[in-house]
PDB file of N, CA and C in Angstrom:
ATOM      1  N   MET A   1      39.738 116.494  92.412  1.00  0.00           N
ATOM      2  CA  MET A   1      41.006 117.043  91.754  1.00  0.00           C
ATOM      3  C   MET A   1      40.541 117.570  90.457  1.00  0.00           C
ATOM      4  N   SER A   2      40.490 118.837  90.228  1.00  0.00           N
ATOM      5  CA  SER A   2      40.184 119.417  89.032  1.00  0.00           C
ATOM      6  C   SER A   2      41.311 120.062  88.340  1.00  0.00           C
ATOM      7  N   THR A   3      41.444 119.951  87.210  1.00  0.00           N
ATOM      8  CA  THR A   3      42.687 120.522  86.390  1.00  0.00           C
ATOM      9  C   THR A   3      42.126 120.954  85.054  1.00  0.00           C
ATOM     10  N   SER A   4      42.846 122.005  84.606  1.00  0.00           N
ATOM     11  CA  SER A   4      42.514 122.490  83.301  1.00  0.00           C
ATOM     12  C   SER A   4      43.473 121.792  82.285  1.00  0.00           C
ATOM     13  N   LYS A   5      44.426 121.037  82.668  1.00  0.00           N
ATOM     14  CA  LYS A   5      45.340 120.419  81.789  1.00  0.00           C
ATOM     15  C   LYS A   5      44.525 119.217  81.077  1.00  0.00           C
ATOM     16  N   LYS A   6      44.596 119.174  79.880  1.00  0.00           N
ATOM     17  CA  LYS A   6      43.945 118.244  78.981  1.00  0.00           C
ATOM     18  C   LYS A   6      44.959 117.003  79.005  1.00  0.00           C
ATOM     19  N   LEU A   7      44.303 115.730  79.066  1.00  0.00           N
ATOM     20  CA  LEU A   7      45.037 114.557  79.054  1.00  0.00           C
ATOM     21  C   LEU A   7      44.457 113.607  77.965  1.00  0.00           C
ATOM     22  N   TYR A   8      45.262 112.876  77.350  1.00  0.00           N
ATOM     23  CA  TYR A   8      44.969 112.054  76.176  1.00  0.00           C
ATOM     24  C   TYR A   8      45.438 110.659  76.311  1.00  0.00           C
ATOM     25  N   ALA A   9      44.693 109.680  75.744  1.00  0.00           N
ATOM     26  CA  ALA A   9      45.162 108.450  75.918  1.00  0.00           C
ATOM     27  C   ALA A   9      46.329 108.098  75.040  1.00  0.00           C
ATOM     28  N   ALA A  10      47.478 107.599  75.750  1.00  0.00           N
ATOM     29  CA  ALA A  10      48.778 107.274  74.992  1.00  0.00           C
ATOM     30  C   ALA A  10      48.611 106.124  74.025  1.00  0.00           C
ATOM     31  N   ARG A  11      47.672 105.263  74.236  1.00  0.00           N
ATOM     32  CA  ARG A  11      47.374 104.091  73.430  1.00  0.00           C
ATOM     33  C   ARG A  11      45.941 103.573  73.636  1.00  0.00           C
ATOM     34  N   ASP A  12      45.413 102.744  72.859  1.00  0.00           N
ATOM     35  CA  ASP A  12      44.206 102.217  72.967  1.00  0.00           C
ATOM     36  C   ASP A  12      44.071 101.464  74.356  1.00  0.00           C
ATOM     37  N   PHE A  13      43.098 101.768  75.085  1.00  0.00           N
ATOM     38  CA  PHE A  13      42.978 100.827  76.342  1.00  0.00           C
ATOM     39  C   PHE A  13      41.429 100.824  76.802  1.00  0.00           C
ATOM     40  N   LYS A  14      41.133  99.811  77.570  1.00  0.00           N
ATOM     41  CA  LYS A  14      39.778  99.825  78.100  1.00  0.00           C
ATOM     42  C   LYS A  14      39.850  99.611  79.550  1.00  0.00           C
ATOM     43  N   ASP A  15      39.163 100.371  80.289  1.00  0.00           N
ATOM     44  CA  ASP A  15      39.091 100.371  81.737  1.00  0.00           C
ATOM     45  C   ASP A  15      37.929  99.189  82.195  1.00  0.00           C
ATOM     46  N   VAL A  16      38.416  98.114  82.473  1.00  0.00           N
ATOM     47  CA  VAL A  16      37.566  96.933  82.723  1.00  0.00           C
ATOM     48  C   VAL A  16      36.573  97.313  83.920  1.00  0.00           C
ATOM     49  N   GLY A  17      37.046  98.051  84.818  1.00  0.00           N
ATOM     50  CA  GLY A  17      36.343  98.432  86.112  1.00  0.00           C
ATOM     51  C   GLY A  17      35.017  99.369  85.755  1.00  0.00           C
ATOM     52  N   THR A  18      35.296 100.355  84.867  1.00  0.00           N
ATOM     53  CA  THR A  18      34.264 101.193  84.472  1.00  0.00           C
ATOM     54  C   THR A  18      33.495 100.848  83.158  1.00  0.00           C
ATOM     55  N   GLY A  19      34.264  99.965  82.177  1.00  0.00           N
ATOM     56  CA  GLY A  19      33.709  99.579  80.923  1.00  0.00           C
ATOM     57  C   GLY A  19      33.946 100.713  79.893  1.00  0.00           C
ATOM     58  N   ARG A  20      34.645 101.733  80.281  1.00  0.00           N
ATOM     59  CA  ARG A  20      35.008 102.918  79.347  1.00  0.00           C
ATOM     60  C   ARG A  20      36.207 102.508  78.495  1.00  0.00           C
ATOM     61  N   SER A  21      36.177 102.712  77.214  1.00  0.00           N
ATOM     62  CA  SER A  21      37.388 102.470  76.231  1.00  0.00           C
ATOM     63  C   SER A  21      37.827 103.861  75.764  1.00  0.00           C
ATOM     64  N   PHE A  22      39.054 103.788  75.447  1.00  0.00           N
ATOM     65  CA  PHE A  22      39.683 105.055  74.813  1.00  0.00           C
ATOM     66  C   PHE A  22      40.692 104.708  73.728  1.00  0.00           C
ATOM     67  N   ALA A  23      40.601 105.462  72.659  1.00  0.00           N
ATOM     68  CA  ALA A  23      41.587 105.194  71.540  1.00  0.00           C
ATOM     69  C   ALA A  23      42.708 106.212  71.679  1.00  0.00           C
ATOM     70  N   ALA A  24      43.801 105.736  71.127  1.00  0.00           N
ATOM     71  CA  ALA A  24      45.029 106.690  71.298  1.00  0.00           C
ATOM     72  C   ALA A  24      44.702 108.027  70.703  1.00  0.00           C
ATOM     73  N   GLY A  25      44.930 109.033  71.488  1.00  0.00           N
ATOM     74  CA  GLY A  25      44.764 110.371  71.085  1.00  0.00           C
ATOM     75  C   GLY A  25      43.379 110.966  71.596  1.00  0.00           C
ATOM     76  N   ASP A  26      42.483 110.086  72.081  1.00  0.00           N
ATOM     77  CA  ASP A  26      41.249 110.603  72.751  1.00  0.00           C
ATOM     78  C   ASP A  26      41.513 111.405  73.892  1.00  0.00           C
ATOM     79  N   GLU A  27      40.747 112.510  74.184  1.00  0.00           N
ATOM     80  CA  GLU A  27      40.873 113.206  75.428  1.00  0.00           C
ATOM     81  C   GLU A  27      40.176 112.343  76.403  1.00  0.00           C
ATOM     82  N   VAL A  28      40.955 112.155  77.650  1.00  0.00           N
ATOM     83  CA  VAL A  28      40.478 111.382  78.703  1.00  0.00           C
ATOM     84  C   VAL A  28      39.968 112.262  79.867  1.00  0.00           C
ATOM     85  N   THR A  29      38.767 111.947  80.277  1.00  0.00           N
ATOM     86  CA  THR A  29      38.094 112.602  81.446  1.00  0.00           C
ATOM     87  C   THR A  29      37.620 111.569  82.351  1.00  0.00           C
ATOM     88  N   GLY A  30      37.391 111.973  83.638  1.00  0.00           N
ATOM     89  CA  GLY A  30      36.908 111.028  84.632  1.00  0.00           C
ATOM     90  C   GLY A  30      37.123 111.554  85.930  1.00  0.00           C
ATOM     91  N   LYS A  31      36.744 110.682  87.012  1.00  0.00           N
ATOM     92  CA  LYS A  31      36.995 111.037  88.328  1.00  0.00           C
ATOM     93  C   LYS A  31      38.403 111.005  88.742  1.00  0.00           C
ATOM     94  N   ALA A  32      38.769 111.722  89.750  1.00  0.00           N
ATOM     95  CA  ALA A  32      40.152 111.921  90.122  1.00  0.00           C
ATOM     96  C   ALA A  32      40.901 110.655  90.322  1.00  0.00           C
ATOM     97  N   GLY A  33      40.237 109.612  90.916  1.00  0.00           N
ATOM     98  CA  GLY A  33      40.864 108.337  91.146  1.00  0.00           C
ATOM     99  C   GLY A  33      41.014 107.603  89.951  1.00  0.00           C
ATOM    100  N   GLU A  34      40.134 107.629  88.960  1.00  0.00           N
ATOM    101  CA  GLU A  34      40.380 106.951  87.723  1.00  0.00           C
ATOM    102  C   GLU A  34      41.561 107.657  86.960  1.00  0.00           C
ATOM    103  N   ILE A  35      41.591 108.941  86.879  1.00  0.00           N
ATOM    104  CA  ILE A  35      42.668 109.582  86.199  1.00  0.00           C
ATOM    105  C   ILE A  35      43.974 109.212  86.893  1.00  0.00           C
ATOM    106  N   ALA A  36      44.022 109.287  88.089  1.00  0.00           N
ATOM    107  CA  ALA A  36      45.242 108.752  88.812  1.00  0.00           C
ATOM    108  C   ALA A  36      45.779 107.497  88.447  1.00  0.00           C
ATOM    109  N   ASN A  37      44.855 106.639  88.360  1.00  0.00           N
ATOM    110  CA  ASN A  37      45.178 105.141  87.956  1.00  0.00           C
ATOM    111  C   ASN A  37      45.558 105.090  86.547  1.00  0.00           C
ATOM    112  N   TYR A  38      45.108 105.833  85.705  1.00  0.00           N
ATOM    113  CA  TYR A  38      45.475 105.764  84.244  1.00  0.00           C
ATOM    114  C   TYR A  38      46.990 106.297  84.213  1.00  0.00           C
ATOM    115  N   GLU A  39      47.216 107.459  84.899  1.00  0.00           N
ATOM    116  CA  GLU A  39      48.551 108.144  84.905  1.00  0.00           C
ATOM    117  C   GLU A  39      49.559 107.116  85.509  1.00  0.00           C
ATOM    118  N   ALA A  40      49.205 106.453  86.539  1.00  0.00           N
ATOM    119  CA  ALA A  40      50.178 105.554  87.334  1.00  0.00           C
ATOM    120  C   ALA A  40      50.427 104.358  86.285  1.00  0.00           C
ATOM    121  N   ALA A  41      49.548 103.897  85.366  1.00  0.00           N
ATOM    122  CA  ALA A  41      49.778 102.878  84.509  1.00  0.00           C
ATOM    123  C   ALA A  41      50.466 103.263  83.301  1.00  0.00           C
ATOM    124  N   GLY A  42      50.739 104.575  83.173  1.00  0.00           N
ATOM    125  CA  GLY A  42      51.356 105.117  81.917  1.00  0.00           C
ATOM    126  C   GLY A  42      50.398 105.120  80.687  1.00  0.00           C
ATOM    127  N   LEU A  43      49.191 105.302  80.954  1.00  0.00           N
ATOM    128  CA  LEU A  43      48.158 105.297  79.816  1.00  0.00           C
ATOM    129  C   LEU A  43      47.818 106.662  79.298  1.00  0.00           C
ATOM    130  N   LEU A  44      48.368 107.817  80.009  1.00  0.00           N
ATOM    131  CA  LEU A  44      47.971 109.180  79.710  1.00  0.00           C
ATOM    132  C   LEU A  44      49.221 109.921  79.187  1.00  0.00           C
ATOM    133  N   THR A  45      49.006 110.859  78.328  1.00  0.00           N
ATOM    134  CA  THR A  45      49.943 111.899  77.966  1.00  0.00           C
ATOM    135  C   THR A  45      49.276 113.211  77.836  1.00  0.00           C
ATOM    136  N   ASP A  46      50.157 114.237  77.883  1.00  0.00           N
ATOM    137  CA  ASP A  46      49.428 115.555  77.925  1.00  0.00           C
ATOM    138  C   ASP A  46      49.519 116.270  76.451  1.00  0.00           C
ATOM    139  N   LYS A  47      50.105 115.388  75.462  1.00  0.00           N
ATOM    140  CA  LYS A  47      50.270 115.917  74.204  1.00  0.00           C
ATOM    141  C   LYS A  47      49.548 114.972  73.251  1.00  0.00           C
ATOM    142  N   LYS A  48      48.522 115.429  72.601  1.00  0.00           N
ATOM    143  CA  LYS A  48      47.760 114.690  71.609  1.00  0.00           C
ATOM    144  C   LYS A  48      48.562 114.139  70.569  1.00  0.00           C
ATOM    145  N   SER A  49      49.553 114.921  70.022  1.00  0.00           N
ATOM    146  CA  SER A  49      50.301 114.448  68.842  1.00  0.00           C
ATOM    147  C   SER A  49      51.163 113.178  69.143  1.00  0.00           C
ATOM    148  N   GLU A  50      51.656 113.117  70.497  1.00  0.00           N
ATOM    149  CA  GLU A  50      52.546 111.999  70.904  1.00  0.00           C
ATOM    150  C   GLU A  50      51.631 110.737  71.016  1.00  0.00           C
ATOM    151  N   ALA A  51      50.312 110.930  71.472  1.00  0.00           N
ATOM    152  CA  ALA A  51      49.391 109.672  71.533  1.00  0.00           C
ATOM    153  C   ALA A  51      49.239 109.231  70.057  1.00  0.00           C
ATOM    154  N   ALA A  52      48.935 110.000  69.163  1.00  0.00           N
ATOM    155  CA  ALA A  52      48.711 109.664  67.723  1.00  0.00           C
ATOM    156  C   ALA A  52      49.959 108.848  67.165  1.00  0.00           C
ATOM    157  N   LYS A  53      51.167 109.423  67.483  1.00  0.00           N
ATOM    158  CA  LYS A  53      52.240 108.819  66.899  1.00  0.00           C
ATOM    159  C   LYS A  53      52.496 107.350  67.595  1.00  0.00           C
ATOM    160  N   ALA A  54      52.240 107.206  68.839  1.00  0.00           N
ATOM    161  CA  ALA A  54      52.431 106.081  69.574  1.00  0.00           C
ATOM    162  C   ALA A  54      51.565 104.911  68.937  1.00  0.00           C
ATOM    163  N   ASP A  55      50.437 105.267  68.518  1.00  0.00           N
ATOM    164  CA  ASP A  55      49.592 104.282  67.878  1.00  0.00           C
ATOM    165  C   ASP A  55      49.567 104.068  66.411  1.00  0.00           C
ATOM    166  N   ALA A  56      50.345 104.887  65.763  1.00  0.00           N
ATOM    167  CA  ALA A  56      50.462 104.817  64.281  1.00  0.00           C
ATOM    168  C   ALA A  56      51.378 103.601  64.004  1.00  0.00           C
ATOM    169  N   PRO A  57      50.995 102.877  62.841  1.00  0.00           N
ATOM    170  CA  PRO A  57      51.608 101.754  62.430  1.00  0.00           C
ATOM    171  C   PRO A  57      53.152 102.019  61.962  1.00  0.00           C
ATOM    172  N   ALA A  58      54.139 101.166  62.066  1.00  0.00           N
ATOM    173  CA  ALA A  58      55.474 101.473  61.640  1.00  0.00           C
ATOM    174  C   ALA A  58      55.616 101.470  60.209  1.00  0.00           C
ATOM    175  N   ALA A  59      56.380 102.430  59.620  1.00  0.00           N
ATOM    176  CA  ALA A  59      56.529 102.499  58.244  1.00  0.00           C
ATOM    177  C   ALA A  59      57.538 101.573  57.603  1.00  0.00           C
TER     178      ALA A  59
END
């Protein structure tokens, strides 16, 4: 599954299975199955600015 749509981490997370870690706002790449799992878990967004806001401390 190849896509030109960029996906970003919606929050900080670590994939224990692969050992990869992502900070909120990081572009996320990987195998189709990994990406599908991250999407199903609600860990990805297609908007980098939303990811950064989600991880920002409350004012």
